Structures are given as structure tokens and as C-alpha cells.
């Protein structure tokens, strides 16, 4: 009898361990296009002021694009049909009326990798207040998740060229469809062809003491970009004109503090245009303080894709730039 009891306890423990192990280890893979967000809430909330507040924050236009494009493509899922494979969506925002008044984020709840943001309130006013208070943090968590997912997809077929490593001692993880198009002293230009244009990455350096004056910071950035464009990034042949890339004259670029590759940086978003021609598009620049190499390292991604949505193109470029690794001799 004792042997049977011990055997039963052993089997129970093994079954429990396997169950817990399955729960932790064998989650299904999350699904969904990059920058897609499933918003789970009742139809009544979706059609009213709560839905308006969700759209205000999570479908807000992205700064620095040629025309307004939402930061997430929202798919509304009524609460009663939130089941099955829908639960494995990578980014989920769950909103409901409840006796609890709370807002938090859970990781890998139904799949992995996954973020599920939960916002609840006793009334619509409480729900809206929680959205206002937590939207920025939730958006940041979703965006970080999407950046990681994009970078993971790059690894399926990575570019192996050494131009960035040889010139600047850095690596960027990017798909193999990107190719080095120009390599000169202190300048590398990498691009890929897309159906209606190109996606581009450029890298160069500036002296470590550049951009010391806060009052002229934006003006100095524009001056730097325009000088680089004139020297290295020509436009199409136009009779009687010299064409090259400049920063759009009508609007100043947006500048934000950032961290990239573990170093402090300035993130710059704006519109480029072609001096002497009508070409234009969005750009994203990181000005990285690199004290170990006594320099400012400049990484920029820009897109030319006329009459085409550019959000996902620019997001891919951001994910590439944020994959930066600084190489030491041991590497």
C-alpha cells in the first residue's frame, strides 16, 4: 500500500511539473503583421468615448512622415469573440468595465513573445482616465516588442558586408537585400530596392565637440545634413540644376533625447527633399555620443517611395539602426 501511495504521489508530481513546464515553455508563437494591434473591447465601448480615446492615442499620426499614418493598425475584436488563434496576436489591448480600476501590462499571457495591456474601470470616465495615464507606457512597450520582432525576422537572412565594420567599427543587423552602394572616406551608403523606390541607410562621423550650442542645435543638424547631402547624395539629372538631398526648408525636424547601443543620442525625425527637383520623403537620424572613439557617430535611414505608405518602411529602418553593435578588437 505504501509503495502504491508513493508511486501515486510521484506520478502526480511529474504530471504537475509537466503541466507547469508546458505552460512556461510551450506557448504558441505569437502572430500578426508588424505594427498591428488587437483592441479587445465591447462594441458599445468601441463606438463611444472610450473607443475615441483609444484611437486618439494608439492610432495617432506618426511625426516626421510625409502624410499622416497611424502608429498602429488597429483591429477591433469584440470581447465575446476573443478566443482561439486571436489570443496569440503579438500586441493586445484589452479594455473593459469592471469592479476593478486598474491598468497594467502582462507578458506572454497566451503566446510568446506577446504583450497584453489590460485597462479596466468601474465607469467609462475611469477607463478613459486610465488610458490617459498609461497610454504612453503601453505604446512604448508595444513598440519595443515590435522592434524586437522585426530584428528577429532580419536574422533569417542577414547582410554580411563589412563596410560599416571596416569604416566605423560597428555592426548593424539588416536583411541581405540591403547592399552597399557607396563607400568613401568617412561615408557609407547602403540601400535596398522596393516596389516604388528605395530604402536607404547612411553612416558617417562628426567631431566629438560638434553640436555644443543648444540654441543652434536644430540649425546645426540641418546644416550638417545639407552638407552631407550635397557632397555624397546626388539627385537625378536636371538640365541647368545641381540636385542633391537637403532637409525640407518649410518645417524644422523634430528632435528627441534617445539612447541607442547603450549610448546617449539625439533622435531626429523630419522630411528630406531634393534641391533642384521634386523628390522628397521621411528621414530618421541618430546622432550618437561615442566618447570611446572621440566622435559623434551619425546613422540615418531615409525612404523614397512616392504615393506609398511609408510607416512600415521607416519602422524597418529604425529597427536596423537600433540593432547597432560597437565592435571591440576581441570581436
Protein backbone atom coordinates (compact mmCIF):
# COMPACT_ATOMS: atom_id res chain seq x y z
CA UNK A 1 0.00 0.00 0.00
CA UNK A 2 2.85 2.41 0.86
CA UNK A 3 4.53 1.65 -2.48
CA UNK A 4 1.27 2.37 -4.33
CA UNK A 5 0.82 5.64 -2.42
CA UNK A 6 4.39 6.76 -3.11
CA UNK A 7 4.01 5.82 -6.77
CA UNK A 8 0.81 7.85 -6.99
CA UNK A 9 2.45 10.87 -5.40
CA UNK A 10 5.40 10.55 -7.79
CA UNK A 11 3.13 10.41 -10.82
CA UNK A 12 1.14 13.39 -9.52
CA UNK A 13 4.31 15.41 -9.07
CA UNK A 14 5.55 14.51 -12.54
CA UNK A 15 2.20 15.43 -14.08
CA UNK A 16 2.16 18.75 -12.24
CA UNK A 17 5.73 19.52 -13.29
CA UNK A 18 4.98 18.68 -16.89
CA UNK A 19 1.87 20.85 -16.82
CA UNK A 20 3.77 23.77 -15.33
CA UNK A 21 6.64 23.19 -17.71
CA UNK A 22 4.28 23.20 -20.68
CA UNK A 23 2.69 26.41 -19.52
CA UNK A 24 6.06 28.11 -19.22
CA UNK A 25 7.92 26.57 -22.12
CA UNK A 26 5.48 25.56 -24.83
CA UNK A 27 3.45 28.69 -25.51
CA UNK A 28 2.43 29.01 -29.16
CA UNK A 29 4.31 31.55 -31.26
CA UNK A 30 2.62 34.94 -31.45
CA UNK A 31 1.25 36.10 -34.78
CA UNK A 32 0.45 39.30 -36.63
CA UNK A 33 1.93 41.85 -39.01
CA UNK A 34 4.42 44.38 -37.64
CA UNK A 35 2.68 47.40 -36.05
CA UNK A 36 -0.69 45.63 -35.81
CA UNK A 37 -2.68 45.97 -32.58
CA UNK A 38 -5.71 43.92 -31.49
CA UNK A 39 -8.05 46.06 -29.36
CA UNK A 40 -10.44 43.85 -27.38
CA UNK A 41 -13.49 45.66 -26.02
CA UNK A 42 -17.28 45.56 -26.18
CA UNK A 43 -18.91 47.17 -29.20
CA UNK A 44 -20.66 49.74 -27.03
CA UNK A 45 -17.35 50.99 -25.60
CA UNK A 46 -15.68 50.91 -29.01
CA UNK A 47 -18.35 53.12 -30.60
CA UNK A 48 -18.33 55.68 -27.78
CA UNK A 49 -15.92 57.98 -25.99
CA UNK A 50 -13.70 55.12 -24.79
CA UNK A 51 -13.12 53.99 -28.37
CA UNK A 52 -12.43 57.57 -29.38
CA UNK A 53 -9.78 57.84 -26.67
CA UNK A 54 -8.14 54.59 -27.81
CA UNK A 55 -7.98 55.84 -31.39
CA UNK A 56 -6.67 59.22 -30.24
CA UNK A 57 -3.63 57.59 -28.62
CA UNK A 58 -2.98 54.30 -30.40
CA UNK A 59 -3.87 55.44 -33.93
CA UNK A 60 -2.24 58.86 -33.54
CA UNK A 61 -0.27 60.03 -36.59
CA UNK A 62 3.48 59.43 -36.53
CA UNK A 63 5.62 62.56 -36.60
CA UNK A 64 8.09 63.00 -39.43
CA UNK A 65 6.19 61.26 -42.22
CA UNK A 66 5.11 62.91 -45.46
CA UNK A 67 1.42 62.40 -44.66
CA UNK A 68 -0.49 61.21 -41.59
CA UNK A 69 -0.15 57.50 -40.90
CA UNK A 70 -1.20 55.80 -37.61
CA UNK A 71 1.45 54.32 -35.38
CA UNK A 72 -0.58 51.10 -35.11
CA UNK A 73 -3.05 49.42 -37.44
CA UNK A 74 -5.94 48.73 -35.07
CA UNK A 75 -8.13 45.65 -35.34
CA UNK A 76 -11.19 45.85 -33.07
CA UNK A 77 -12.14 42.48 -31.56
CA UNK A 78 -15.47 42.28 -29.64
CA UNK A 79 -14.90 40.70 -26.23
CA UNK A 80 -17.25 37.77 -26.89
CA UNK A 81 -15.22 36.56 -29.89
CA UNK A 82 -11.80 36.94 -28.29
CA UNK A 83 -10.78 33.28 -28.37
CA UNK A 84 -8.75 30.73 -30.31
CA UNK A 85 -5.92 31.96 -32.52
CA UNK A 86 -6.90 35.61 -31.98
CA UNK A 87 -5.43 35.30 -28.47
CA UNK A 88 -1.99 34.65 -29.95
CA UNK A 89 -1.81 38.12 -31.52
CA UNK A 90 1.51 39.66 -30.51
CA UNK A 91 0.16 43.02 -29.22
CA UNK A 92 -3.22 43.12 -27.46
CA UNK A 93 -5.03 45.96 -25.70
CA UNK A 94 -7.88 44.63 -23.51
CA UNK A 95 -10.37 47.19 -22.18
CA UNK A 96 -13.48 46.51 -20.11
CA UNK A 97 -15.83 47.81 -17.43
CA UNK A 98 -15.07 46.04 -14.18
CA UNK A 99 -15.28 46.40 -10.43
CA UNK A 100 -11.50 46.84 -10.56
CA UNK A 101 -9.95 50.17 -11.51
CA UNK A 102 -6.57 49.16 -12.92
CA UNK A 103 -4.12 49.35 -15.81
CA UNK A 104 -1.16 47.04 -16.30
CA UNK A 105 0.82 45.04 -18.87
CA UNK A 106 1.28 41.27 -18.93
CA UNK A 107 3.91 39.42 -20.94
CA UNK A 108 3.46 36.15 -22.82
CA UNK A 109 -0.04 35.50 -21.49
CA UNK A 110 -1.36 33.45 -24.42
CA UNK A 111 1.67 33.26 -26.74
CA UNK A 112 5.27 34.36 -26.98
CA UNK A 113 6.58 36.92 -27.45
CA UNK A 114 3.48 38.90 -26.52
CA UNK A 115 2.35 41.97 -24.61
CA UNK A 116 -1.21 42.23 -23.29
CA UNK A 117 -2.16 45.63 -21.87
CA UNK A 118 -5.21 45.49 -19.60
CA UNK A 119 -7.22 48.61 -18.75
CA UNK A 120 -10.30 48.41 -16.53
CA UNK A 121 -12.58 50.79 -14.67
CA UNK A 122 -15.94 50.96 -12.93
CA UNK A 123 -17.12 53.66 -15.31
CA UNK A 124 -16.20 54.98 -18.75
CA UNK A 125 -14.67 58.01 -17.06
CA UNK A 126 -12.33 55.77 -15.03
CA UNK A 127 -11.37 53.79 -18.13
CA UNK A 128 -10.60 56.99 -20.05
CA UNK A 129 -8.52 58.30 -17.13
CA UNK A 130 -6.52 55.06 -17.10
CA UNK A 131 -5.96 55.28 -20.86
CA UNK A 132 -4.72 58.87 -20.49
CA UNK A 133 -2.39 57.90 -17.65
CA UNK A 134 -0.94 54.70 -19.13
CA UNK A 135 -1.11 55.08 -22.93
CA UNK A 136 2.46 56.35 -23.36
CA UNK A 137 3.97 53.49 -21.35
CA UNK A 138 1.83 50.91 -23.14
CA UNK A 139 2.72 52.31 -26.56
CA UNK A 140 6.42 52.19 -25.63
CA UNK A 141 6.09 48.53 -24.56
CA UNK A 142 4.28 47.62 -27.79
CA UNK A 143 6.82 49.47 -29.92
CA UNK A 144 9.78 47.81 -28.17
CA UNK A 145 8.11 44.44 -28.79
CA UNK A 146 7.66 45.24 -32.49
CA UNK A 147 11.27 46.40 -32.82
CA UNK A 148 12.45 43.11 -31.31
CA UNK A 149 10.16 41.13 -33.62
CA UNK A 150 11.46 42.99 -36.69
CA UNK A 151 15.06 42.40 -35.62
CA UNK A 152 14.32 38.70 -35.10
CA UNK A 153 12.96 38.48 -38.65
CA UNK A 154 16.13 40.11 -40.01
CA UNK A 155 18.16 37.15 -38.71
CA UNK A 156 16.57 34.81 -41.27
CA UNK A 157 18.93 36.23 -43.89
CA UNK A 158 21.49 38.80 -42.73
CA UNK A 159 23.65 41.15 -44.77
CA UNK A 160 27.29 40.01 -44.41
CA UNK A 161 29.07 43.03 -45.91
CA UNK A 162 31.84 44.63 -43.81
CA UNK A 163 31.72 48.27 -44.90
CA UNK A 164 30.34 49.58 -41.59
CA UNK A 165 32.69 47.42 -39.58
CA UNK A 166 35.75 48.43 -41.59
CA UNK A 167 34.93 52.16 -41.61
CA UNK A 168 33.30 52.79 -38.24
CA UNK A 169 33.81 49.70 -36.06
CA UNK A 170 30.08 48.94 -35.86
CA UNK A 171 27.63 46.28 -36.99
CA UNK A 172 24.01 46.69 -37.99
CA UNK A 173 21.74 43.68 -38.41
CA UNK A 174 19.82 44.11 -41.65
CA UNK A 175 18.29 41.81 -44.26
CA UNK A 176 20.57 40.61 -47.05
CA UNK A 177 18.54 42.58 -49.63
CA UNK A 178 20.37 45.70 -48.43
CA UNK A 179 23.58 46.31 -50.40
CA UNK A 180 26.46 48.76 -50.07
CA UNK A 181 26.02 51.31 -52.85
CA UNK A 182 28.72 53.86 -51.97
CA UNK A 183 31.77 53.70 -49.72
CA UNK A 184 34.08 56.68 -49.37
CA UNK A 185 36.26 58.18 -46.68
CA UNK A 186 34.01 58.65 -43.62
CA UNK A 187 30.83 57.81 -45.55
CA UNK A 188 28.91 54.59 -46.26
CA UNK A 189 25.60 54.39 -48.14
CA UNK A 190 23.57 51.16 -48.07
CA UNK A 191 20.26 50.74 -49.86
CA UNK A 192 17.59 48.31 -50.99
CA UNK A 193 15.12 48.44 -53.83
CA UNK A 194 11.39 48.45 -53.01
CA UNK A 195 8.48 48.34 -55.48
CA UNK A 196 8.22 52.11 -55.93
CA UNK A 197 11.54 53.43 -54.72
CA UNK A 198 14.38 52.78 -52.27
CA UNK A 199 15.14 52.42 -48.58
CA UNK A 200 18.49 53.85 -47.54
CA UNK A 201 20.96 53.87 -44.65
CA UNK A 202 23.93 56.22 -44.42
CA UNK A 203 26.66 56.42 -41.79
CA UNK A 204 29.38 59.00 -41.12
CA UNK A 205 31.08 60.73 -38.20
CA UNK A 206 31.46 64.24 -36.88
CA UNK A 207 33.98 65.66 -34.38
CA UNK A 208 33.20 64.90 -30.76
CA UNK A 209 32.71 68.60 -29.94
CA UNK A 210 30.00 69.10 -32.60
CA UNK A 211 26.55 70.40 -31.56
CA UNK A 212 27.71 72.02 -28.33
CA UNK A 213 25.35 75.00 -28.54
CA UNK A 214 21.79 74.10 -27.56
CA UNK A 215 20.39 77.30 -29.03
CA UNK A 216 21.62 76.36 -32.52
CA UNK A 217 21.24 72.58 -32.22
CA UNK A 218 18.47 72.11 -34.80
CA UNK A 219 20.07 74.61 -37.18
CA UNK A 220 23.41 72.77 -36.90
CA UNK A 221 21.73 69.44 -37.62
CA UNK A 222 20.16 70.86 -40.78
CA UNK A 223 23.50 72.38 -41.83
CA UNK A 224 25.24 69.02 -41.30
CA UNK A 225 22.62 67.05 -43.25
CA UNK A 226 22.59 69.52 -46.13
CA UNK A 227 26.39 69.48 -46.37
CA UNK A 228 26.48 65.67 -46.42
CA UNK A 229 23.68 65.58 -48.99
CA UNK A 230 25.48 68.00 -51.28
CA UNK A 231 28.74 66.04 -51.04
CA UNK A 232 27.51 62.44 -51.16
CA UNK A 233 23.80 62.12 -52.09
CA UNK A 234 23.10 63.47 -55.56
CA UNK A 235 19.68 63.61 -57.16
CA UNK A 236 18.56 62.93 -60.72
CA UNK A 237 20.00 64.82 -63.68
CA UNK A 238 18.04 68.04 -64.24
CA UNK A 239 19.24 70.34 -67.03
CA UNK A 240 20.77 73.51 -65.65
CA UNK A 241 20.50 72.44 -61.98
CA UNK A 242 22.63 70.68 -59.38
CA UNK A 243 20.41 68.29 -57.48
CA UNK A 244 21.21 66.85 -54.06
CA UNK A 245 19.47 65.94 -50.81
CA UNK A 246 18.68 68.66 -48.27
CA UNK A 247 16.43 68.96 -45.22
CA UNK A 248 12.98 70.26 -46.11
CA UNK A 249 13.02 74.04 -45.78
CA UNK A 250 9.38 74.55 -44.79
CA UNK A 251 9.43 72.64 -41.48
CA UNK A 252 12.12 72.12 -38.85
CA UNK A 253 12.83 68.48 -37.93
CA UNK A 254 11.66 67.05 -34.59
CA UNK A 255 14.43 66.26 -32.09
CA UNK A 256 14.12 63.91 -29.09
CA UNK A 257 16.57 62.57 -26.49
CA UNK A 258 17.32 58.89 -27.01
CA UNK A 259 19.63 56.02 -26.15
CA UNK A 260 21.00 53.71 -28.84
CA UNK A 261 23.58 50.98 -28.46
CA UNK A 262 23.83 51.91 -24.78
CA UNK A 263 24.98 55.45 -25.61
CA UNK A 264 23.21 58.79 -25.33
CA UNK A 265 21.92 60.12 -28.61
CA UNK A 266 19.62 62.62 -30.27
CA UNK A 267 16.82 61.20 -32.41
CA UNK A 268 15.89 63.44 -35.33
CA UNK A 269 12.78 62.95 -37.48
CA UNK A 270 11.89 65.06 -40.47
CA UNK A 271 11.39 65.34 -44.21
CA UNK A 272 14.15 65.42 -46.80
CA UNK A 273 13.74 66.97 -50.21
CA UNK A 274 15.88 67.21 -53.32
CA UNK A 275 17.41 70.58 -54.07
CA UNK A 276 16.53 71.35 -57.69
CA UNK A 277 13.93 68.57 -58.00
CA UNK A 278 10.58 67.44 -56.56
CA UNK A 279 11.68 64.24 -54.80
CA UNK A 280 11.01 64.04 -51.03
CA UNK A 281 10.46 61.59 -48.19
CA UNK A 282 10.92 60.95 -44.45
CA UNK A 283 14.23 60.52 -42.62
CA UNK A 284 15.29 59.28 -39.19
CA UNK A 285 18.71 60.29 -37.86
CA UNK A 286 20.56 59.26 -34.71
CA UNK A 287 23.40 61.49 -33.54
CA UNK A 288 25.26 59.23 -31.11
CA UNK A 289 27.73 60.46 -28.50
CA UNK A 290 30.61 57.97 -28.79
CA UNK A 291 33.23 59.03 -26.22
CA UNK A 292 35.15 55.75 -26.53
CA UNK A 293 36.03 56.72 -30.09
CA UNK A 294 36.09 60.51 -29.51
CA UNK A 295 33.41 61.24 -32.10
CA UNK A 296 29.78 61.79 -32.91
CA UNK A 297 28.53 58.82 -34.95
CA UNK A 298 25.70 59.65 -37.33
CA UNK A 299 23.31 56.93 -38.53
CA UNK A 300 20.41 57.84 -40.80
CA UNK A 301 17.65 55.98 -42.57
CA UNK A 302 15.55 57.58 -45.28
CA UNK A 303 12.93 56.38 -47.73
CA UNK A 304 11.89 57.36 -51.22
CA UNK A 305 8.53 55.79 -52.03
CA UNK A 306 6.19 58.23 -53.81
CA UNK A 307 2.43 57.74 -53.39
CA UNK A 308 3.06 54.85 -50.97
CA UNK A 309 2.60 54.34 -47.23
CA UNK A 310 5.97 54.79 -45.56
CA UNK A 311 5.30 53.88 -41.91
CA UNK A 312 6.48 50.29 -42.11
CA UNK A 313 9.49 51.20 -44.27
CA UNK A 314 10.65 53.74 -41.71
CA UNK A 315 9.95 51.33 -38.87
CA UNK A 316 12.20 48.74 -40.51
CA UNK A 317 14.97 51.31 -40.83
CA UNK A 318 14.54 52.26 -37.16
CA UNK A 319 14.81 48.59 -36.14
CA UNK A 320 18.00 48.26 -38.18
CA UNK A 321 19.61 51.38 -36.70
CA UNK A 322 18.68 50.25 -33.17
CA UNK A 323 20.47 46.93 -33.73
CA UNK A 324 23.86 48.69 -33.60
CA UNK A 325 26.78 46.87 -32.00
CA UNK A 326 30.11 48.53 -31.29
CA UNK A 327 32.96 46.19 -32.13
CA UNK A 328 35.98 45.71 -29.90
CA UNK A 329 39.21 44.02 -31.06
CA UNK A 330 38.12 40.80 -29.30
CA UNK A 331 35.06 40.63 -31.57
